[in-house]
Amino acid sequence: MCTIHPLSHIHPDAHIGENVEVGPFTHIYGDVEIGDGTRIGSNVTIMDGARIGKNCRIFPGAVISAIPQDLKFAGEKTTVQVGDNTTIREFVTLNRGTKARGETTIGSNCLLMAYVHVAHDCVIGNNVILANAVNLAGHIEIDDWAIVGGMTAVHQFSKIGAHSMISGGSLVRKDVPPYIKAAREPLSYAGVNSIGLRRRGFSAEQIAVIQQIYRILYLQGHIVSKAVKIIEETIPECPERDHVLRFIREAASRGIIKGPGTHPVSDE
């Protein structure tokens, strides 16, 4: 049985699951789907195109599935997809997609802290944490288990790899490879995220391989193409090695973040 506050407004065409709670002054539009067990606070606006999973928690002031802040948007029918067990804190804004992708995607078990903005056509994986006031431009990809520190701004079309951790207040202008910590200004490699990897069940042997990969890439002064060749020749095939190499090959035209100190990690 749902608990709907009498001062909320839910369009009769909206699909509301079982045991959903809706607080006062919340407005839910018609083309909306909300999964079982989701709890929605007061003064939330959920607009056409929202597809929200089960057991989510949406806090006061959030706006979900507003049209994109993109001048190319021409009113096409698009969506925001939110997975199960995701928490959306106060005043988070999630814009729906454009015809480029058709949807903005937030995975399951994510935590989006207060004032986070996710622009059109972003793809956020599972178990991702975006701390307070993270701002994502359009078409950004964030892979599973990544953590982005508060007040961080991410350039459009950037990609942030799985299990990475980005320092608060960062400006992300290039892609951030998986398994690493990134900090400083300009944003650069700050070591392997070994604590996070251990917490998620990576073995000491797996972490050692990842450390060796990034030692070659970031600490030996090679350009990227040379580092990739050395990694392929010296590190035996394994999921971690292949994941890193695939990420580098698929990096945006701006490339990956630089190494520490004097090593720019560039083919230019």
Protein backbone atom coordinates (compact mmCIF):
# COMPACT_ATOMS: atom_id res chain seq x y z
CA MET A 1 0.00 0.00 0.00
CA CYS A 2 1.35 3.43 -0.96
CA THR A 3 1.51 6.40 1.39
CA ILE A 4 0.73 9.55 -0.60
CA HIS A 5 0.55 12.86 1.22
CA PRO A 6 -2.68 14.73 0.36
CA LEU A 7 -0.73 17.89 -0.45
CA SER A 8 1.27 16.15 -3.20
CA HIS A 9 0.13 16.00 -6.83
CA ILE A 10 0.49 12.78 -8.81
CA HIS A 11 -0.73 12.63 -12.39
CA PRO A 12 -3.23 9.80 -12.87
CA ASP A 13 -1.16 8.33 -15.72
CA ALA A 14 1.97 7.91 -13.57
CA HIS A 15 2.92 4.31 -12.75
CA ILE A 16 3.58 4.08 -9.02
CA GLY A 17 4.75 0.77 -7.53
CA GLU A 18 3.80 -0.86 -4.26
CA ASN A 19 4.73 0.62 -0.87
CA VAL A 20 5.87 3.93 -2.33
CA GLU A 21 5.91 6.94 -0.01
CA VAL A 22 5.42 10.48 -1.32
CA GLY A 23 5.80 13.58 0.88
CA PRO A 24 3.92 16.89 0.69
CA PHE A 25 4.19 19.41 -2.16
CA THR A 26 5.76 16.84 -4.47
CA HIS A 27 4.72 16.90 -8.14
CA ILE A 28 4.90 13.72 -10.25
CA TYR A 29 4.11 14.05 -13.97
CA GLY A 30 2.24 11.54 -16.13
CA ASP A 31 5.02 9.79 -18.08
CA VAL A 32 6.77 8.53 -14.94
CA GLU A 33 7.48 5.07 -13.52
CA ILE A 34 8.48 4.57 -9.89
CA GLY A 35 9.46 1.16 -8.51
CA ASP A 36 8.27 -0.59 -5.38
CA GLY A 37 9.43 0.66 -2.00
CA THR A 38 10.81 3.99 -3.18
CA ARG A 39 10.52 6.88 -0.71
CA ILE A 40 10.11 10.41 -2.05
CA GLY A 41 10.44 13.44 0.21
CA SER A 42 8.71 16.80 0.10
CA ASN A 43 8.99 19.39 -2.68
CA VAL A 44 10.36 16.89 -5.18
CA THR A 45 9.59 17.34 -8.89
CA ILE A 46 9.62 14.21 -11.06
CA MET A 47 8.96 15.13 -14.68
CA ASP A 48 8.01 13.23 -17.82
CA GLY A 49 10.53 10.57 -18.82
CA ALA A 50 11.61 9.53 -15.31
CA ARG A 51 12.11 5.79 -14.79
CA ILE A 52 13.02 5.19 -11.15
CA GLY A 53 13.85 1.77 -9.73
CA LYS A 54 12.92 -0.01 -6.53
CA ASN A 55 13.82 1.05 -2.99
CA CYS A 56 15.29 4.39 -3.98
CA ARG A 57 15.35 7.35 -1.59
CA ILE A 58 14.73 10.82 -3.01
CA PHE A 59 15.21 13.75 -0.67
CA PRO A 60 13.49 17.18 -0.63
CA GLY A 61 14.04 19.59 -3.48
CA ALA A 62 15.32 17.08 -6.07
CA VAL A 63 14.29 17.64 -9.71
CA ILE A 64 14.38 14.53 -11.87
CA SER A 65 13.99 14.38 -15.66
CA ALA A 66 13.84 18.07 -16.49
CA ILE A 67 14.57 18.76 -20.17
CA PRO A 68 18.25 19.07 -21.11
CA GLN A 69 20.09 22.37 -20.83
CA ASP A 70 21.19 21.89 -24.43
CA LEU A 71 20.23 24.27 -27.24
CA LYS A 72 20.18 21.32 -29.68
CA PHE A 73 17.32 19.68 -27.77
CA ALA A 74 14.20 19.82 -29.93
CA GLY A 75 11.58 18.30 -27.65
CA GLU A 76 12.29 14.66 -28.53
CA LYS A 77 10.96 12.00 -26.17
CA THR A 78 13.80 10.88 -23.91
CA THR A 79 14.25 9.52 -20.39
CA VAL A 80 16.21 9.43 -17.17
CA GLN A 81 16.82 5.88 -15.92
CA VAL A 82 17.62 5.38 -12.22
CA GLY A 83 18.50 1.92 -10.92
CA ASP A 84 17.43 0.21 -7.70
CA ASN A 85 18.56 1.23 -4.20
CA THR A 86 19.96 4.56 -5.32
CA THR A 87 19.87 7.57 -2.99
CA ILE A 88 19.29 11.05 -4.43
CA ARG A 89 19.89 13.74 -1.83
CA GLU A 90 18.61 17.29 -1.48
CA PHE A 91 18.37 19.49 -4.61
CA VAL A 92 19.98 17.01 -6.98
CA THR A 93 19.08 17.72 -10.63
CA LEU A 94 19.02 14.94 -13.23
CA ASN A 95 18.36 16.02 -16.83
CA ARG A 96 16.93 13.59 -19.35
CA GLY A 97 18.72 12.63 -22.54
CA THR A 98 18.75 14.07 -26.03
CA LYS A 99 18.49 12.35 -29.39
CA ALA A 100 22.24 11.66 -29.15
CA ARG A 101 21.63 8.82 -26.64
CA GLY A 102 17.99 9.02 -25.77
CA GLU A 103 18.52 8.66 -22.05
CA THR A 104 20.54 9.67 -19.03
CA THR A 105 21.42 6.62 -16.95
CA ILE A 106 22.11 6.28 -13.23
CA GLY A 107 22.95 2.79 -12.01
CA SER A 108 21.91 0.87 -8.90
CA ASN A 109 23.23 1.37 -5.36
CA CYS A 110 24.52 4.86 -6.14
CA LEU A 111 24.72 7.83 -3.77
CA LEU A 112 24.24 11.29 -5.27
CA MET A 113 24.81 13.81 -2.49
CA ALA A 114 23.19 17.22 -2.17
CA TYR A 115 23.31 19.65 -5.12
CA VAL A 116 24.77 17.15 -7.60
CA HIS A 117 23.93 17.95 -11.23
CA VAL A 118 23.91 15.23 -13.91
CA ALA A 119 23.44 16.63 -17.40
CA HIS A 120 21.93 15.02 -20.48
CA ASP A 121 23.11 11.68 -21.87
CA CYS A 122 25.45 10.84 -18.98
CA VAL A 123 26.01 7.18 -18.09
CA ILE A 124 26.74 6.46 -14.43
CA GLY A 125 27.44 2.87 -13.41
CA ASN A 126 26.57 0.97 -10.26
CA ASN A 127 27.82 1.75 -6.75
CA VAL A 128 29.04 5.20 -7.77
CA ILE A 129 29.33 8.02 -5.21
CA LEU A 130 29.08 11.64 -6.32
CA ALA A 131 29.77 13.87 -3.32
CA ASN A 132 28.15 17.24 -2.65
CA ALA A 133 27.88 19.70 -5.57
CA VAL A 134 29.58 17.52 -8.18
CA ASN A 135 28.67 18.93 -11.60
CA LEU A 136 28.66 16.69 -14.66
CA ALA A 137 28.38 18.17 -18.15
CA GLY A 138 26.72 16.21 -20.95
CA HIS A 139 27.75 12.80 -22.31
CA ILE A 140 29.99 11.86 -19.38
CA GLU A 141 30.61 8.21 -18.47
CA ILE A 142 31.44 7.12 -14.93
CA ASP A 143 32.13 3.42 -14.44
CA ASP A 144 31.18 1.21 -11.48
CA TRP A 145 32.48 1.96 -7.97
CA ALA A 146 34.02 5.33 -8.87
CA ILE A 147 34.00 8.06 -6.20
CA VAL A 148 34.03 11.74 -7.18
CA GLY A 149 34.85 14.26 -4.43
CA GLY A 150 32.67 17.26 -3.66
CA MET A 151 32.71 20.45 -5.74
CA THR A 152 34.26 18.63 -8.69
CA ALA A 153 33.38 19.74 -12.23
CA VAL A 154 33.70 17.29 -15.12
CA HIS A 155 34.14 18.32 -18.77
CA GLN A 156 31.64 17.04 -21.33
CA PHE A 157 32.38 13.68 -22.97
CA SER A 158 34.91 12.78 -20.27
CA LYS A 159 35.15 9.26 -18.89
CA ILE A 160 35.99 8.23 -15.33
CA GLY A 161 37.15 4.65 -14.88
CA ALA A 162 35.93 1.99 -12.48
CA HIS A 163 37.19 1.99 -8.87
CA SER A 164 38.84 5.38 -9.31
CA MET A 165 38.72 8.13 -6.70
CA ILE A 166 38.88 11.84 -7.54
CA SER A 167 39.85 14.46 -4.99
CA GLY A 168 37.30 17.09 -3.99
CA GLY A 169 37.38 20.41 -5.80
CA SER A 170 38.92 18.92 -8.94
CA LEU A 171 38.51 20.03 -12.54
CA VAL A 172 38.31 16.93 -14.73
CA ARG A 173 39.32 17.89 -18.26
CA LYS A 174 40.73 14.53 -19.39
CA ASP A 175 39.76 10.90 -18.86
CA VAL A 176 40.62 9.28 -15.52
CA PRO A 177 41.76 5.64 -15.90
CA PRO A 178 40.39 2.86 -13.68
CA TYR A 179 41.76 1.83 -10.27
CA ILE A 180 43.59 5.07 -9.50
CA LYS A 181 43.43 8.15 -7.28
CA ALA A 182 43.48 11.53 -9.01
CA ALA A 183 44.28 14.86 -7.36
CA ARG A 184 46.21 18.17 -7.69
CA GLU A 185 45.74 20.94 -10.24
CA PRO A 186 45.86 20.22 -13.08
CA LEU A 187 44.36 16.86 -12.22
CA SER A 188 46.96 14.11 -12.28
CA TYR A 189 47.75 10.58 -11.15
CA ALA A 190 48.14 10.30 -7.36
CA GLY A 191 48.60 6.55 -6.92
CA VAL A 192 46.57 3.36 -7.11
CA ASN A 193 43.34 3.28 -5.10
CA SER A 194 44.61 0.27 -3.17
CA ILE A 195 42.46 0.81 -0.07
CA GLY A 196 39.29 0.94 -2.13
CA LEU A 197 40.34 -2.11 -4.13
CA ARG A 198 41.01 -4.13 -0.97
CA ARG A 199 37.60 -3.17 0.40
CA ARG A 200 36.00 -4.52 -2.77
CA GLY A 201 37.75 -7.87 -2.64
CA PHE A 202 40.76 -7.41 -4.92
CA SER A 203 43.61 -9.69 -3.89
CA ALA A 204 47.12 -8.51 -3.06
CA GLU A 205 48.29 -10.09 -6.32
CA GLN A 206 45.71 -8.22 -8.39
CA ILE A 207 46.61 -4.91 -6.73
CA ALA A 208 50.32 -5.57 -7.32
CA VAL A 209 49.63 -6.05 -11.05
CA ILE A 210 47.67 -2.80 -11.18
CA GLN A 211 50.49 -0.97 -9.41
CA GLN A 212 53.01 -2.33 -11.91
CA ILE A 213 50.83 -1.22 -14.84
CA TYR A 214 50.63 2.34 -13.54
CA ARG A 215 54.31 2.39 -12.62
CA ILE A 216 55.03 1.85 -16.30
CA LEU A 217 52.39 4.28 -17.50
CA TYR A 218 52.97 7.14 -15.08
CA LEU A 219 56.31 6.87 -13.29
CA GLN A 220 58.85 5.81 -15.91
CA GLY A 221 58.57 8.84 -18.19
CA HIS A 222 57.19 7.08 -21.28
CA ILE A 223 54.77 8.57 -23.76
CA VAL A 224 51.44 6.73 -23.76
CA SER A 225 52.02 4.66 -26.88
CA LYS A 226 55.40 3.45 -25.59
CA ALA A 227 53.98 2.68 -22.14
CA VAL A 228 51.13 0.68 -23.67
CA LYS A 229 53.60 -1.37 -25.70
CA ILE A 230 55.71 -2.12 -22.62
CA ILE A 231 52.63 -3.11 -20.61
CA GLU A 232 51.52 -5.48 -23.37
CA GLU A 233 54.99 -7.05 -23.56
CA THR A 234 55.76 -7.35 -19.84
CA ILE A 235 52.46 -7.79 -17.99
CA PRO A 236 50.70 -11.15 -18.53
CA GLU A 237 47.13 -11.00 -19.78
CA CYS A 238 44.59 -10.57 -16.99
CA PRO A 239 41.27 -8.74 -16.58
CA GLU A 240 42.90 -5.75 -14.86
CA ARG A 241 45.57 -5.28 -17.53
CA ASP A 242 43.07 -5.65 -20.35
CA HIS A 243 40.65 -3.21 -18.67
CA VAL A 244 43.32 -0.51 -18.37
CA LEU A 245 44.56 -0.97 -21.94
CA ARG A 246 41.03 -0.88 -23.34
CA PHE A 247 40.27 2.29 -21.38
CA ILE A 248 43.38 4.03 -22.73
CA ARG A 249 42.59 3.05 -26.31
CA GLU A 250 39.02 4.33 -25.97
CA ALA A 251 39.96 7.60 -24.25
CA ALA A 252 38.48 10.82 -25.58
CA SER A 253 40.46 12.97 -27.99
CA ARG A 254 41.88 14.92 -25.03
CA GLY A 255 43.48 11.71 -23.71
CA ILE A 256 44.04 10.60 -20.13
CA ILE A 257 45.16 12.69 -17.16
CA LYS A 258 48.87 13.35 -16.80
CA GLY A 259 51.34 11.74 -14.46
CA PRO A 260 52.81 13.39 -11.36
CA GLY A 261 55.74 15.76 -11.45
CA THR A 262 57.38 16.22 -14.84
CA HIS A 263 55.82 13.28 -16.66
CA PRO A 264 53.05 14.64 -18.90
CA VAL A 265 52.01 11.24 -20.33
CA SER A 266 51.41 12.57 -23.79
CA ASP A 267 52.11 11.52 -27.36
CA GLU A 268 52.32 15.15 -28.49
